[in-house]
Amino acid sequence: MLKTLRKFTALSPTLFEGKLTRSGGAGCEPDAREGAKIYEFKSWSPNSNDDDVGSLGDDEFITVGGTSAFLKLANNSYSNPTNSYTQFLCYLSNITKMEDLVYIFDKDQLNAKGQTNAVAYIKLRFQELMSKPVEQQQIFDVIWNNTNGLTQDLWKPIDYPSGISKAQAKSIFVNWVSDTNNSIYNFITAR
């Protein structure tokens, strides 16, 4: 996070580790906030044999080595109930538009492990997560039930002047998830 903030001075967070709540689920503490924007910084490494703590997600400190944080996210295979997946759900429940969510991954960590296209790799891991039937339904439900305006941002009234049913929106969401080039994945960056 500090490396990115020093390098990209246009980022000027006004709050660090601020608490957010989520109705019916675990709360979260985004790394940084700038107005309505939520910033989450990840120094994850993609390989399963990582053993340096600096490359591991917060939820990996207990099991140094073993499954990488990326694979834990993709498979939603956490042992800790408060983890990166529940954090993601919390963020989705608190934003008013997808542009308000920014995940910044450490490109150097990914490149060091041979990932020449860090963003494409990360998008695939999120796609794996969002394609799992249970998680897909949970993620969709959090978005659909977001009363802050995220649903209207994604399924704009101008595109659906007669409104959109939950079933129609879910079908569209499934199509979005199937395409990592879809704007639903624009919250992912690597620096």
N, C-alpha and C. Protein backbone atom coordinates (compact mmCIF):
# COMPACT_ATOMS: atom_id res chain seq x y z
N MET A 1 0.83 -1.18 0.00
CA MET A 1 0.00 0.00 0.00
C MET A 1 0.87 1.25 0.00
N LEU A 2 1.88 1.27 0.87
CA LEU A 2 2.74 2.46 0.96
C LEU A 2 3.51 2.68 -0.33
N LYS A 3 3.99 1.60 -0.93
CA LYS A 3 4.71 1.71 -2.20
C LYS A 3 3.81 2.35 -3.26
N THR A 4 2.57 1.91 -3.34
CA THR A 4 1.64 2.44 -4.33
C THR A 4 1.30 3.90 -4.04
N LEU A 5 1.07 4.22 -2.77
CA LEU A 5 0.72 5.60 -2.42
C LEU A 5 1.88 6.56 -2.69
N ARG A 6 3.11 6.08 -2.48
CA ARG A 6 4.28 6.94 -2.78
C ARG A 6 4.44 7.15 -4.27
N LYS A 7 4.19 6.09 -5.04
CA LYS A 7 4.40 6.14 -6.48
C LYS A 7 3.29 6.88 -7.21
N PHE A 8 2.04 6.69 -6.77
CA PHE A 8 0.89 7.29 -7.44
C PHE A 8 0.29 8.35 -6.52
N THR A 9 0.86 9.52 -6.59
CA THR A 9 0.49 10.59 -5.66
C THR A 9 -0.92 11.13 -5.91
N ALA A 10 -1.54 10.74 -7.03
CA ALA A 10 -2.92 11.17 -7.28
C ALA A 10 -3.88 10.51 -6.29
N LEU A 11 -3.48 9.38 -5.74
CA LEU A 11 -4.29 8.74 -4.70
C LEU A 11 -4.06 9.48 -3.40
N SER A 12 -5.11 10.02 -2.84
CA SER A 12 -5.00 10.79 -1.60
C SER A 12 -6.05 10.33 -0.60
N PRO A 13 -5.86 9.14 -0.03
CA PRO A 13 -6.87 8.65 0.93
C PRO A 13 -7.05 9.60 2.10
N THR A 14 -8.27 9.66 2.58
CA THR A 14 -8.59 10.51 3.73
C THR A 14 -8.84 9.68 4.98
N LEU A 15 -8.94 8.34 4.81
CA LEU A 15 -9.21 7.47 5.94
C LEU A 15 -8.55 6.12 5.69
N PHE A 16 -7.91 5.59 6.71
CA PHE A 16 -7.30 4.27 6.63
C PHE A 16 -7.98 3.34 7.62
N GLU A 17 -8.21 2.10 7.19
CA GLU A 17 -8.81 1.06 8.05
C GLU A 17 -10.13 1.50 8.69
N GLY A 18 -10.95 2.24 7.95
CA GLY A 18 -12.26 2.64 8.46
C GLY A 18 -13.21 1.47 8.45
N LYS A 19 -14.07 1.39 9.43
CA LYS A 19 -15.00 0.26 9.56
C LYS A 19 -16.25 0.47 8.71
N LEU A 20 -16.65 -0.62 8.04
CA LEU A 20 -17.90 -0.66 7.29
C LEU A 20 -18.72 -1.83 7.82
N THR A 21 -20.02 -1.72 7.77
CA THR A 21 -20.88 -2.81 8.20
C THR A 21 -21.60 -3.38 7.00
N ARG A 22 -22.09 -4.59 7.18
CA ARG A 22 -22.89 -5.23 6.13
C ARG A 22 -24.06 -5.91 6.80
N SER A 23 -25.23 -5.61 6.35
CA SER A 23 -26.45 -6.21 6.91
C SER A 23 -26.40 -7.72 6.68
N GLY A 24 -26.54 -8.48 7.75
CA GLY A 24 -26.59 -9.92 7.64
C GLY A 24 -25.26 -10.60 7.39
N GLY A 25 -24.16 -9.87 7.51
CA GLY A 25 -22.87 -10.49 7.25
C GLY A 25 -21.75 -9.79 7.98
N ALA A 26 -20.56 -10.31 7.78
CA ALA A 26 -19.38 -9.76 8.44
C ALA A 26 -19.08 -8.36 7.94
N GLY A 27 -18.62 -7.50 8.85
CA GLY A 27 -18.19 -6.16 8.48
C GLY A 27 -16.81 -6.22 7.85
N CYS A 28 -16.24 -5.06 7.57
CA CYS A 28 -14.92 -5.03 6.95
C CYS A 28 -14.23 -3.71 7.25
N GLU A 29 -12.95 -3.70 7.01
CA GLU A 29 -12.14 -2.50 7.20
C GLU A 29 -11.30 -2.27 5.95
N PRO A 30 -11.78 -1.43 5.04
CA PRO A 30 -10.99 -1.17 3.83
C PRO A 30 -9.65 -0.54 4.19
N ASP A 31 -8.65 -0.87 3.39
CA ASP A 31 -7.32 -0.31 3.64
C ASP A 31 -7.34 1.20 3.61
N ALA A 32 -8.07 1.77 2.66
CA ALA A 32 -8.12 3.23 2.55
C ALA A 32 -9.45 3.65 1.92
N ARG A 33 -9.84 4.88 2.24
CA ARG A 33 -11.03 5.48 1.64
C ARG A 33 -10.66 6.87 1.17
N GLU A 34 -11.27 7.24 0.07
CA GLU A 34 -11.13 8.60 -0.45
C GLU A 34 -12.53 9.00 -0.90
N GLY A 35 -13.20 9.75 -0.04
CA GLY A 35 -14.61 10.05 -0.30
C GLY A 35 -15.39 8.75 -0.26
N ALA A 36 -16.16 8.47 -1.32
CA ALA A 36 -16.95 7.25 -1.39
C ALA A 36 -16.14 6.05 -1.88
N LYS A 37 -14.94 6.30 -2.40
CA LYS A 37 -14.13 5.21 -2.95
C LYS A 37 -13.50 4.37 -1.86
N ILE A 38 -13.55 3.07 -2.09
CA ILE A 38 -12.93 2.09 -1.20
C ILE A 38 -11.71 1.53 -1.93
N TYR A 39 -10.56 1.58 -1.25
CA TYR A 39 -9.32 1.03 -1.81
C TYR A 39 -8.89 -0.17 -0.97
N GLU A 40 -8.63 -1.26 -1.64
CA GLU A 40 -8.10 -2.45 -0.99
C GLU A 40 -6.79 -2.80 -1.69
N PHE A 41 -5.72 -2.87 -0.92
CA PHE A 41 -4.40 -3.17 -1.45
C PHE A 41 -4.04 -4.62 -1.12
N LYS A 42 -3.61 -5.37 -2.12
CA LYS A 42 -3.26 -6.77 -1.92
C LYS A 42 -1.84 -7.03 -2.44
N SER A 43 -1.04 -7.67 -1.60
CA SER A 43 0.32 -8.08 -1.98
C SER A 43 0.38 -9.59 -2.09
N TRP A 44 -0.59 -10.14 -2.78
CA TRP A 44 -0.68 -11.58 -2.90
C TRP A 44 0.26 -12.10 -3.98
N SER A 45 0.70 -13.30 -3.80
CA SER A 45 1.53 -13.99 -4.77
C SER A 45 0.75 -15.20 -5.28
N PRO A 46 0.85 -15.52 -6.56
CA PRO A 46 -0.02 -16.54 -7.12
C PRO A 46 0.38 -17.99 -6.86
N ASN A 47 1.61 -18.28 -6.46
CA ASN A 47 2.03 -19.66 -6.35
C ASN A 47 1.70 -20.26 -5.00
N SER A 48 1.50 -21.56 -4.97
CA SER A 48 1.08 -22.22 -3.74
C SER A 48 2.23 -22.54 -2.80
N ASN A 49 3.46 -22.31 -3.22
CA ASN A 49 4.59 -22.62 -2.34
C ASN A 49 5.23 -21.37 -1.75
N ASP A 50 4.48 -20.28 -1.67
CA ASP A 50 5.02 -19.04 -1.12
C ASP A 50 5.33 -19.22 0.36
N ASP A 51 6.43 -18.66 0.79
CA ASP A 51 6.73 -18.74 2.20
C ASP A 51 7.22 -17.43 2.79
N ASP A 52 7.17 -16.35 1.99
CA ASP A 52 7.53 -15.07 2.61
C ASP A 52 6.25 -14.33 2.96
N VAL A 53 6.16 -13.93 4.21
CA VAL A 53 4.94 -13.34 4.74
C VAL A 53 4.53 -12.09 3.97
N GLY A 54 5.48 -11.35 3.41
CA GLY A 54 5.16 -10.15 2.67
C GLY A 54 4.32 -10.40 1.44
N SER A 55 4.30 -11.63 0.93
CA SER A 55 3.53 -11.92 -0.27
C SER A 55 2.19 -12.55 0.03
N LEU A 56 1.85 -12.68 1.29
CA LEU A 56 0.64 -13.40 1.65
C LEU A 56 -0.45 -12.45 2.12
N GLY A 57 -1.70 -12.86 1.90
CA GLY A 57 -2.82 -12.07 2.38
C GLY A 57 -2.95 -12.18 3.89
N ASP A 58 -3.68 -11.25 4.50
CA ASP A 58 -3.87 -11.25 5.94
C ASP A 58 -4.35 -12.59 6.47
N ASP A 59 -5.22 -13.25 5.70
CA ASP A 59 -5.80 -14.49 6.17
C ASP A 59 -4.85 -15.67 5.99
N GLU A 60 -3.64 -15.43 5.50
CA GLU A 60 -2.69 -16.50 5.28
C GLU A 60 -1.63 -16.58 6.37
N PHE A 61 -1.61 -15.63 7.29
CA PHE A 61 -0.56 -15.63 8.30
C PHE A 61 -0.52 -16.91 9.11
N ILE A 62 -1.65 -17.54 9.30
CA ILE A 62 -1.71 -18.75 10.11
C ILE A 62 -1.06 -19.91 9.38
N THR A 63 -1.26 -20.01 8.06
CA THR A 63 -0.72 -21.13 7.30
C THR A 63 0.27 -20.63 6.27
N VAL A 64 1.43 -20.20 6.72
CA VAL A 64 2.46 -19.76 5.79
C VAL A 64 2.85 -20.96 4.96
N GLY A 65 2.95 -20.78 3.66
CA GLY A 65 3.11 -21.91 2.75
C GLY A 65 1.72 -22.38 2.38
N GLY A 66 1.60 -23.52 1.73
CA GLY A 66 0.27 -24.03 1.40
C GLY A 66 -0.38 -23.26 0.28
N THR A 67 -1.69 -23.19 0.29
CA THR A 67 -2.46 -22.59 -0.79
C THR A 67 -2.29 -21.08 -0.81
N SER A 68 -2.09 -20.52 -2.01
CA SER A 68 -1.93 -19.08 -2.13
C SER A 68 -3.24 -18.36 -1.87
N ALA A 69 -3.15 -17.09 -1.54
CA ALA A 69 -4.35 -16.28 -1.28
C ALA A 69 -5.23 -16.21 -2.52
N PHE A 70 -4.65 -16.18 -3.71
CA PHE A 70 -5.45 -16.14 -4.93
C PHE A 70 -6.32 -17.39 -5.06
N LEU A 71 -5.72 -18.55 -4.78
CA LEU A 71 -6.49 -19.78 -4.89
C LEU A 71 -7.51 -19.89 -3.77
N LYS A 72 -7.17 -19.40 -2.58
CA LYS A 72 -8.16 -19.40 -1.50
C LYS A 72 -9.36 -18.54 -1.89
N LEU A 73 -9.11 -17.39 -2.52
CA LEU A 73 -10.21 -16.54 -2.97
C LEU A 73 -11.01 -17.26 -4.05
N ALA A 74 -10.35 -17.76 -5.08
CA ALA A 74 -11.03 -18.41 -6.20
C ALA A 74 -11.89 -19.58 -5.75
N ASN A 75 -11.40 -20.33 -4.76
CA ASN A 75 -12.12 -21.51 -4.28
C ASN A 75 -12.97 -21.22 -3.04
N ASN A 76 -12.88 -20.00 -2.53
CA ASN A 76 -13.54 -19.62 -1.28
C ASN A 76 -13.29 -20.71 -0.23
N SER A 77 -12.00 -21.00 -0.03
CA SER A 77 -11.61 -22.10 0.86
C SER A 77 -10.92 -21.59 2.12
N TYR A 78 -11.47 -20.57 2.70
CA TYR A 78 -10.89 -19.99 3.91
C TYR A 78 -11.31 -20.76 5.15
N SER A 79 -10.43 -20.79 6.13
CA SER A 79 -10.80 -21.38 7.42
C SER A 79 -11.30 -20.29 8.37
N ASN A 80 -10.94 -19.04 8.10
CA ASN A 80 -11.33 -17.92 8.94
C ASN A 80 -12.64 -17.34 8.40
N PRO A 81 -13.68 -17.20 9.22
CA PRO A 81 -14.96 -16.69 8.70
C PRO A 81 -14.90 -15.24 8.23
N THR A 82 -13.96 -14.46 8.74
CA THR A 82 -13.77 -13.09 8.26
C THR A 82 -12.55 -13.13 7.34
N ASN A 83 -12.78 -13.07 6.05
CA ASN A 83 -11.71 -13.29 5.09
C ASN A 83 -11.90 -12.39 3.88
N SER A 84 -11.09 -12.60 2.86
CA SER A 84 -11.14 -11.75 1.67
C SER A 84 -12.46 -11.86 0.92
N TYR A 85 -13.10 -13.01 0.97
CA TYR A 85 -14.39 -13.16 0.30
C TYR A 85 -15.48 -12.36 1.04
N THR A 86 -15.55 -12.50 2.35
CA THR A 86 -16.56 -11.74 3.10
C THR A 86 -16.27 -10.25 3.04
N GLN A 87 -15.00 -9.90 2.95
CA GLN A 87 -14.59 -8.50 2.79
C GLN A 87 -15.13 -7.97 1.45
N PHE A 88 -14.98 -8.75 0.39
CA PHE A 88 -15.48 -8.38 -0.93
C PHE A 88 -17.00 -8.17 -0.89
N LEU A 89 -17.72 -9.07 -0.24
CA LEU A 89 -19.17 -8.92 -0.11
C LEU A 89 -19.52 -7.65 0.65
N CYS A 90 -18.76 -7.36 1.70
CA CYS A 90 -19.00 -6.15 2.48
C CYS A 90 -18.81 -4.90 1.62
N TYR A 91 -17.74 -4.88 0.84
CA TYR A 91 -17.50 -3.73 -0.03
C TYR A 91 -18.64 -3.56 -1.03
N LEU A 92 -19.08 -4.67 -1.64
CA LEU A 92 -20.19 -4.59 -2.60
C LEU A 92 -21.47 -4.07 -1.97
N SER A 93 -21.65 -4.33 -0.69
CA SER A 93 -22.86 -3.86 -0.03
C SER A 93 -22.79 -2.39 0.36
N ASN A 94 -21.59 -1.79 0.28
CA ASN A 94 -21.42 -0.41 0.72
C ASN A 94 -21.19 0.61 -0.39
N ILE A 95 -20.95 0.16 -1.61
CA ILE A 95 -20.65 1.11 -2.68
C ILE A 95 -21.93 1.51 -3.43
N THR A 96 -21.88 2.68 -4.05
CA THR A 96 -23.04 3.14 -4.83
C THR A 96 -22.86 2.87 -6.32
N LYS A 97 -21.62 2.67 -6.73
CA LYS A 97 -21.33 2.31 -8.12
C LYS A 97 -20.02 1.53 -8.14
N MET A 98 -19.85 0.71 -9.16
CA MET A 98 -18.66 -0.14 -9.22
C MET A 98 -17.37 0.68 -9.24
N GLU A 99 -17.42 1.90 -9.78
CA GLU A 99 -16.23 2.75 -9.83
C GLU A 99 -15.75 3.14 -8.42
N ASP A 100 -16.59 2.93 -7.42
CA ASP A 100 -16.21 3.26 -6.05
C ASP A 100 -15.41 2.15 -5.37
N LEU A 101 -15.19 1.05 -6.08
CA LEU A 101 -14.41 -0.06 -5.52
C LEU A 101 -13.13 -0.22 -6.34
N VAL A 102 -11.99 -0.19 -5.65
CA VAL A 102 -10.69 -0.31 -6.32
C VAL A 102 -9.83 -1.29 -5.54
N TYR A 103 -9.53 -2.40 -6.18
CA TYR A 103 -8.57 -3.36 -5.63
C TYR A 103 -7.26 -3.14 -6.36
N ILE A 104 -6.21 -2.87 -5.61
CA ILE A 104 -4.89 -2.64 -6.21
C ILE A 104 -3.97 -3.78 -5.76
N PHE A 105 -3.57 -4.61 -6.71
CA PHE A 105 -2.69 -5.74 -6.45
C PHE A 105 -1.25 -5.36 -6.78
N ASP A 106 -0.33 -5.96 -6.06
CA ASP A 106 1.10 -5.70 -6.26
C ASP A 106 1.58 -6.42 -7.51
N LYS A 107 1.76 -5.66 -8.57
CA LYS A 107 2.19 -6.21 -9.86
C LYS A 107 3.55 -6.90 -9.75
N ASP A 108 4.44 -6.35 -8.94
CA ASP A 108 5.77 -6.93 -8.80
C ASP A 108 5.71 -8.34 -8.23
N GLN A 109 4.81 -8.57 -7.27
CA GLN A 109 4.66 -9.91 -6.69
C GLN A 109 4.21 -10.90 -7.75
N LEU A 110 3.29 -10.48 -8.61
CA LEU A 110 2.79 -11.37 -9.65
C LEU A 110 3.83 -11.59 -10.74
N ASN A 111 4.50 -10.52 -11.15
CA ASN A 111 5.53 -10.65 -12.19
C ASN A 111 6.68 -11.54 -11.73
N ALA A 112 7.05 -11.44 -10.45
CA ALA A 112 8.14 -12.25 -9.91
C ALA A 112 7.82 -13.74 -9.98
N LYS A 113 6.55 -14.07 -10.00
CA LYS A 113 6.13 -15.48 -10.07
C LYS A 113 5.77 -15.89 -11.49
N GLY A 114 6.10 -15.05 -12.48
CA GLY A 114 5.91 -15.43 -13.87
C GLY A 114 4.59 -15.02 -14.49
N GLN A 115 3.79 -14.23 -13.81
CA GLN A 115 2.51 -13.76 -14.38
C GLN A 115 2.78 -12.50 -15.19
N THR A 116 2.86 -12.63 -16.49
CA THR A 116 3.20 -11.49 -17.34
C THR A 116 2.03 -10.53 -17.52
N ASN A 117 0.80 -11.01 -17.32
CA ASN A 117 -0.37 -10.14 -17.39
C ASN A 117 -1.11 -10.25 -16.07
N ALA A 118 -0.68 -9.46 -15.11
CA ALA A 118 -1.19 -9.55 -13.74
C ALA A 118 -2.70 -9.35 -13.67
N VAL A 119 -3.21 -8.35 -14.36
CA VAL A 119 -4.65 -8.05 -14.28
C VAL A 119 -5.46 -9.21 -14.86
N ALA A 120 -5.02 -9.78 -15.96
CA ALA A 120 -5.74 -10.92 -16.55
C ALA A 120 -5.76 -12.10 -15.57
N TYR A 121 -4.64 -12.35 -14.92
CA TYR A 121 -4.55 -13.44 -13.94
C TYR A 121 -5.53 -13.20 -12.79
N ILE A 122 -5.55 -11.99 -12.26
CA ILE A 122 -6.42 -11.65 -11.13
C ILE A 122 -7.89 -11.77 -11.54
N LYS A 123 -8.22 -11.26 -12.72
CA LYS A 123 -9.60 -11.34 -13.20
C LYS A 123 -10.05 -12.79 -13.29
N LEU A 124 -9.17 -13.68 -13.74
CA LEU A 124 -9.53 -15.09 -13.83
C LEU A 124 -9.82 -15.68 -12.45
N ARG A 125 -9.06 -15.29 -11.45
CA ARG A 125 -9.31 -15.80 -10.09
C ARG A 125 -10.66 -15.29 -9.57
N PHE A 126 -10.96 -14.02 -9.81
CA PHE A 126 -12.26 -13.49 -9.40
C PHE A 126 -13.39 -14.15 -10.20
N GLN A 127 -13.13 -14.40 -11.48
CA GLN A 127 -14.14 -15.07 -12.31
C GLN A 127 -14.42 -16.47 -11.77
N GLU A 128 -13.37 -17.18 -11.37
CA GLU A 128 -13.56 -18.52 -10.80
C GLU A 128 -14.46 -18.43 -9.57
N LEU A 129 -14.18 -17.47 -8.72
CA LEU A 129 -15.00 -17.28 -7.51
C LEU A 129 -16.44 -16.97 -7.88
N MET A 130 -16.63 -15.99 -8.76
CA MET A 130 -17.98 -15.53 -9.09
C MET A 130 -18.75 -16.49 -9.99
N SER A 131 -18.08 -17.54 -10.48
CA SER A 131 -18.75 -18.54 -11.30
C SER A 131 -19.24 -19.72 -10.47
N LYS A 132 -18.78 -19.84 -9.26
CA LYS A 132 -19.24 -20.92 -8.38
C LYS A 132 -20.70 -20.65 -8.02
N PRO A 133 -21.58 -21.64 -8.17
CA PRO A 133 -23.01 -21.39 -7.99
C PRO A 133 -23.39 -20.72 -6.66
N VAL A 134 -22.89 -21.21 -5.56
CA VAL A 134 -23.26 -20.63 -4.26
C VAL A 134 -22.73 -19.21 -4.14
N GLU A 135 -21.46 -19.02 -4.45
CA GLU A 135 -20.85 -17.70 -4.34
C GLU A 135 -21.46 -16.72 -5.34
N GLN A 136 -21.74 -17.20 -6.55
CA GLN A 136 -22.36 -16.34 -7.55
C GLN A 136 -23.70 -15.82 -7.04
N GLN A 137 -24.48 -16.69 -6.45
CA GLN A 137 -25.78 -16.27 -5.91
C GLN A 137 -25.60 -15.30 -4.76
N GLN A 138 -24.64 -15.57 -3.87
CA GLN A 138 -24.39 -14.67 -2.74
C GLN A 138 -23.94 -13.30 -3.22
N ILE A 139 -23.02 -13.26 -4.17
CA ILE A 139 -22.51 -11.99 -4.69
C ILE A 139 -23.64 -11.23 -5.38
N PHE A 140 -24.41 -11.93 -6.22
CA PHE A 140 -25.54 -11.28 -6.88
C PHE A 140 -26.52 -10.73 -5.86
N ASP A 141 -26.84 -11.52 -4.85
CA ASP A 141 -27.81 -11.08 -3.83
C ASP A 141 -27.32 -9.84 -3.09
N VAL A 142 -26.04 -9.79 -2.77
CA VAL A 142 -25.50 -8.61 -2.10
C VAL A 142 -25.64 -7.38 -2.99
N ILE A 143 -25.31 -7.55 -4.27
CA ILE A 143 -25.45 -6.43 -5.21
C ILE A 143 -26.93 -6.05 -5.36
N TRP A 144 -27.79 -7.02 -5.56
CA TRP A 144 -29.22 -6.76 -5.78
C TRP A 144 -29.84 -6.08 -4.57
N ASN A 145 -29.40 -6.46 -3.37
CA ASN A 145 -29.97 -5.91 -2.14
C ASN A 145 -29.26 -4.65 -1.65
N ASN A 146 -28.28 -4.18 -2.39
CA ASN A 146 -27.57 -2.96 -2.02
C ASN A 146 -28.53 -1.79 -2.19
N THR A 147 -28.86 -1.14 -1.09
CA THR A 147 -29.82 -0.03 -1.14
C THR A 147 -29.13 1.32 -1.35
N ASN A 148 -27.82 1.29 -1.58
CA ASN A 148 -27.07 2.54 -1.79
C ASN A 148 -27.09 3.02 -3.24
N GLY A 149 -27.58 2.19 -4.16
CA GLY A 149 -27.65 2.61 -5.55
C GLY A 149 -26.86 1.74 -6.52
N LEU A 150 -26.14 0.74 -6.02
CA LEU A 150 -25.34 -0.10 -6.91
C LEU A 150 -26.20 -0.82 -7.94
N THR A 151 -27.35 -1.30 -7.53
CA THR A 151 -28.23 -2.00 -8.46
C THR A 151 -28.64 -1.07 -9.60
N GLN A 152 -28.99 0.17 -9.28
CA GLN A 152 -29.38 1.13 -10.31
C GLN A 152 -28.19 1.52 -11.19
N ASP A 153 -26.99 1.50 -10.63
CA ASP A 153 -25.80 1.80 -11.41
C ASP A 153 -25.54 0.70 -12.44
N LEU A 154 -25.70 -0.55 -12.03
CA LEU A 154 -25.40 -1.66 -12.93
C LEU A 154 -26.52 -1.90 -13.94
N TRP A 155 -27.77 -1.86 -13.48
CA TRP A 155 -28.91 -2.06 -14.36
C TRP A 155 -29.63 -0.72 -14.47
N LYS A 156 -29.03 0.17 -15.23
CA LYS A 156 -29.48 1.55 -15.33
C LYS A 156 -30.93 1.66 -15.83
N PRO A 157 -31.72 2.49 -15.16
CA PRO A 157 -33.11 2.69 -15.61
C PRO A 157 -33.22 3.13 -17.06
N ILE A 158 -32.21 3.84 -17.56
CA ILE A 158 -32.26 4.27 -18.96
C ILE A 158 -32.17 3.06 -19.89
N ASP A 159 -31.46 2.01 -19.46
CA ASP A 159 -31.36 0.79 -20.26
C ASP A 159 -32.59 -0.11 -20.08
N TYR A 160 -33.24 0.02 -18.94
CA TYR A 160 -34.40 -0.80 -18.61
C TYR A 160 -35.52 0.11 -18.11
N PRO A 161 -36.11 0.93 -19.01
CA PRO A 161 -37.09 1.93 -18.59
C PRO A 161 -38.33 1.33 -17.91
N SER A 162 -38.65 0.09 -18.21
CA SER A 162 -39.80 -0.56 -17.57
C SER A 162 -39.39 -1.30 -16.31
N GLY A 163 -38.14 -1.17 -15.95
CA GLY A 163 -37.64 -1.90 -14.79
C GLY A 163 -37.06 -3.23 -15.20
N ILE A 164 -36.47 -3.90 -14.25
CA ILE A 164 -35.87 -5.20 -14.52
C ILE A 164 -36.18 -6.11 -13.34
N SER A 165 -36.55 -7.33 -13.66
CA SER A 165 -36.84 -8.28 -12.60
C SER A 165 -35.53 -8.85 -12.05
N LYS A 166 -35.60 -9.42 -10.88
CA LYS A 166 -34.42 -10.04 -10.27
C LYS A 166 -33.91 -11.18 -11.17
N ALA A 167 -34.81 -11.96 -11.74
CA ALA A 167 -34.41 -13.07 -12.61
C ALA A 167 -33.69 -12.55 -13.87
N GLN A 168 -34.20 -11.47 -14.45
CA GLN A 168 -33.54 -10.88 -15.62
C GLN A 168 -32.16 -10.35 -15.24
N ALA A 169 -32.09 -9.66 -14.12
CA ALA A 169 -30.81 -9.11 -13.67
C ALA A 169 -29.80 -10.22 -13.39
N LYS A 170 -30.25 -11.31 -12.80
CA LYS A 170 -29.34 -12.44 -12.51
C LYS A 170 -28.80 -13.02 -13.80
N SER A 171 -29.66 -13.17 -14.81
CA SER A 171 -29.22 -13.70 -16.11
C SER A 171 -28.16 -12.79 -16.74
N ILE A 172 -28.36 -11.51 -16.65
CA ILE A 172 -27.40 -10.54 -17.18
C ILE A 172 -26.10 -10.61 -16.38
N PHE A 173 -26.21 -10.71 -15.06
CA PHE A 173 -25.04 -10.82 -14.20
C PHE A 173 -24.21 -12.05 -14.55
N VAL A 174 -24.86 -13.18 -14.79
CA VAL A 174 -24.15 -14.41 -15.16
C VAL A 174 -23.37 -14.19 -16.46
N ASN A 175 -23.98 -13.49 -17.41
CA ASN A 175 -23.27 -13.17 -18.66
C ASN A 175 -22.07 -12.27 -18.41
N TRP A 176 -22.23 -11.27 -17.55
CA TRP A 176 -21.12 -10.38 -17.22
C TRP A 176 -19.97 -11.17 -16.62
N VAL A 177 -20.28 -12.05 -15.69
CA VAL A 177 -19.25 -12.84 -15.00
C VAL A 177 -18.48 -13.71 -15.98
N SER A 178 -19.15 -14.20 -17.00
CA SER A 178 -18.52 -15.11 -17.96
C SER A 178 -17.49 -14.43 -18.85
N ASP A 179 -17.43 -13.11 -18.84
CA ASP A 179 -16.53 -12.35 -19.71
C ASP A 179 -15.62 -11.46 -18.86
N THR A 180 -14.35 -11.84 -18.71
CA THR A 180 -13.43 -11.06 -17.87
C THR A 180 -13.13 -9.69 -18.46
N ASN A 181 -13.55 -9.44 -19.69
CA ASN A 181 -13.40 -8.10 -20.27
C ASN A 181 -14.58 -7.20 -19.93
N ASN A 182 -15.58 -7.73 -19.27
CA ASN A 182 -16.74 -6.94 -18.89
C ASN A 182 -16.36 -5.90 -17.84
N SER A 183 -17.03 -4.78 -17.86
CA SER A 183 -16.72 -3.70 -16.93
C SER A 183 -16.94 -4.07 -15.47
N ILE A 184 -17.65 -5.16 -15.21
CA ILE A 184 -17.86 -5.59 -13.81
C ILE A 184 -16.50 -5.89 -13.14
N TYR A 185 -15.48 -6.18 -13.94
CA TYR A 185 -14.15 -6.50 -13.42
C TYR A 185 -13.23 -5.27 -13.36
N ASN A 186 -13.73 -4.10 -13.69
CA ASN A 186 -12.88 -2.91 -13.73
C ASN A 186 -12.36 -2.46 -12.36
N PHE A 187 -12.86 -3.06 -11.29
CA PHE A 187 -12.36 -2.70 -9.96
C PHE A 187 -10.95 -3.26 -9.73
N ILE A 188 -10.48 -4.13 -10.60
CA ILE A 188 -9.18 -4.80 -10.44
C ILE A 188 -8.10 -4.02 -11.17
N THR A 189 -7.04 -3.67 -10.43
CA THR A 189 -5.87 -3.05 -11.01
C THR A 189 -4.62 -3.71 -10.43
N ALA A 190 -3.51 -3.51 -11.09
CA ALA A 190 -2.23 -3.99 -10.57
C ALA A 190 -1.19 -2.91 -10.81
N ARG A 191 -0.48 -2.58 -9.75
CA ARG A 191 0.55 -1.53 -9.85
C ARG A 191 1.79 -1.99 -9.14
